[in-house]
C-alpha atoms as a PDB file:
ATOM      1  CA  MET A   1    -112.730  81.860 -41.343  1.00  0.00           C
ATOM      2  CA  ARG A   2    -113.867  84.914 -43.265  1.00  0.00           C
ATOM      3  CA  LEU A   3    -116.319  87.513 -42.022  1.00  0.00           C
ATOM      4  CA  TYR A   4    -117.682  90.666 -43.577  1.00  0.00           C
ATOM      5  CA  VAL A   5    -117.542  93.664 -41.229  1.00  0.00           C
ATOM      6  CA  PRO A   6    -119.459  96.457 -42.981  1.00  0.00           C
ATOM      7  CA  ARG A   7    -118.524  99.203 -40.494  1.00  0.00           C
ATOM      8  CA  MET A   8    -114.776  98.486 -40.844  1.00  0.00           C
ATOM      9  CA  VAL A   9    -114.106 101.111 -43.517  1.00  0.00           C
ATOM     10  CA  CYS A  10    -110.888 102.893 -42.486  1.00  0.00           C
ATOM     11  CA  ARG A  11    -107.467 102.212 -40.986  1.00  0.00           C
ATOM     12  CA  ARG A  12    -108.636 103.296 -37.541  1.00  0.00           C
ATOM     13  CA  SER A  13    -111.466 100.763 -37.534  1.00  0.00           C
ATOM     14  CA  VAL A  14    -109.061  98.049 -38.728  1.00  0.00           C
ATOM     15  CA  ARG A  15    -106.763  98.868 -35.800  1.00  0.00           C
ATOM     16  CA  VAL A  16    -109.646  98.736 -33.313  1.00  0.00           C
ATOM     17  CA  VAL A  17    -110.924  95.401 -34.639  1.00  0.00           C
ATOM     18  CA  THR A  18    -107.537  93.701 -34.888  1.00  0.00           C
ATOM     19  CA  ALA A  19    -106.339  94.989 -31.505  1.00  0.00           C
ATOM     20  CA  HIS A  20    -109.441  93.587 -29.836  1.00  0.00           C
ATOM     21  CA  LEU A  21    -109.557  90.242 -31.644  1.00  0.00           C
ATOM     22  CA  ARG A  22    -105.883  89.311 -31.403  1.00  0.00           C
ATOM     23  CA  ASP A  23    -106.348  88.638 -27.669  1.00  0.00           C
ATOM     24  CA  VAL A  24    -109.391  86.380 -28.128  1.00  0.00           C
ATOM     25  CA  PRO A  25    -108.496  82.802 -27.106  1.00  0.00           C
ATOM     26  CA  GLY A  26    -107.983  80.605 -30.167  1.00  0.00           C
ATOM     27  CA  VAL A  27    -107.077  83.400 -32.590  1.00  0.00           C
ATOM     28  CA  GLU A  28    -103.688  82.571 -34.115  1.00  0.00           C
ATOM     29  CA  SER A  29    -103.570  85.268 -36.778  1.00  0.00           C
ATOM     30  CA  LEU A  30    -105.864  87.702 -38.507  1.00  0.00           C
ATOM     31  CA  HIS A  31    -105.951  90.080 -41.420  1.00  0.00           C
ATOM     32  CA  ALA A  32    -108.425  92.901 -41.954  1.00  0.00           C
ATOM     33  CA  ASP A  33    -109.004  94.863 -45.170  1.00  0.00           C
ATOM     34  CA  ALA A  34    -110.811  98.198 -44.851  1.00  0.00           C
ATOM     35  CA  SER A  35    -111.365  98.514 -48.603  1.00  0.00           C
ATOM     36  CA  THR A  36    -113.489  95.349 -48.688  1.00  0.00           C
ATOM     37  CA  GLY A  37    -114.601  95.082 -45.055  1.00  0.00           C
ATOM     38  CA  GLU A  38    -113.258  91.541 -44.998  1.00  0.00           C
ATOM     39  CA  LEU A  39    -111.789  89.973 -41.901  1.00  0.00           C
ATOM     40  CA  CYS A  40    -109.840  86.702 -42.165  1.00  0.00           C
ATOM     41  CA  VAL A  41    -109.145  84.840 -38.936  1.00  0.00           C
ATOM     42  CA  VAL A  42    -106.990  81.724 -38.517  1.00  0.00           C
ATOM     43  CA  GLY A  43    -107.169  79.586 -35.415  1.00  0.00           C
ATOM     44  CA  ALA A  44    -109.341  77.365 -33.276  1.00  0.00           C
ATOM     45  CA  VAL A  45    -111.983  79.960 -32.549  1.00  0.00           C
ATOM     46  CA  VAL A  46    -115.744  79.628 -32.957  1.00  0.00           C
ATOM     47  CA  GLU A  47    -117.492  82.013 -35.358  1.00  0.00           C
ATOM     48  CA  ALA A  48    -120.118  82.869 -32.751  1.00  0.00           C
ATOM     49  CA  THR A  49    -117.363  84.013 -30.402  1.00  0.00           C
ATOM     50  CA  LEU A  50    -115.909  86.333 -33.031  1.00  0.00           C
ATOM     51  CA  ARG A  51    -119.344  87.746 -33.848  1.00  0.00           C
ATOM     52  CA  ARG A  52    -120.028  88.378 -30.153  1.00  0.00           C
ATOM     53  CA  GLU A  53    -116.649  90.090 -29.679  1.00  0.00           C
ATOM     54  CA  LEU A  54    -117.137  92.242 -32.784  1.00  0.00           C
ATOM     55  CA  ALA A  55    -120.650  93.269 -31.763  1.00  0.00           C
ATOM     56  CA  ALA A  56    -119.355  94.199 -28.291  1.00  0.00           C
ATOM     57  CA  ILE A  57    -117.035  96.805 -29.833  1.00  0.00           C
ATOM     58  CA  GLY A  58    -119.619  98.152 -32.293  1.00  0.00           C
ATOM     59  CA  PHE A  59    -118.600  96.193 -35.409  1.00  0.00           C
ATOM     60  CA  PRO A  60    -121.289  93.571 -36.101  1.00  0.00           C
ATOM     61  CA  ALA A  61    -120.256  91.000 -38.708  1.00  0.00           C
ATOM     62  CA  ALA A  62    -121.808  88.717 -41.274  1.00  0.00           C
ATOM     63  CA  PRO A  63    -120.355  85.696 -43.105  1.00  0.00           C
ATOM     64  CA  THR A  64    -118.745  86.520 -46.439  1.00  0.00           C
ATOM     65  CA  GLU A  65    -120.026  85.050 -49.658  1.00  0.00           C
ATOM     66  CA  THR A  66    -117.724  82.315 -50.958  1.00  0.00           C
END
């Protein structure tokens, strides 16, 4: 699943996002790119769960354009 996280614009924000999401049940792996704001998550996790978790830490997300 790919999400766009517009506030994820530096290495620090990537660390915050990935540290928080790696412990979410169902997340197997993830990759975040600060230059594009893109977050790629692999695993059996529901998009709504990821959005809720991101919003809780101040990084609201939107689906990426495919």
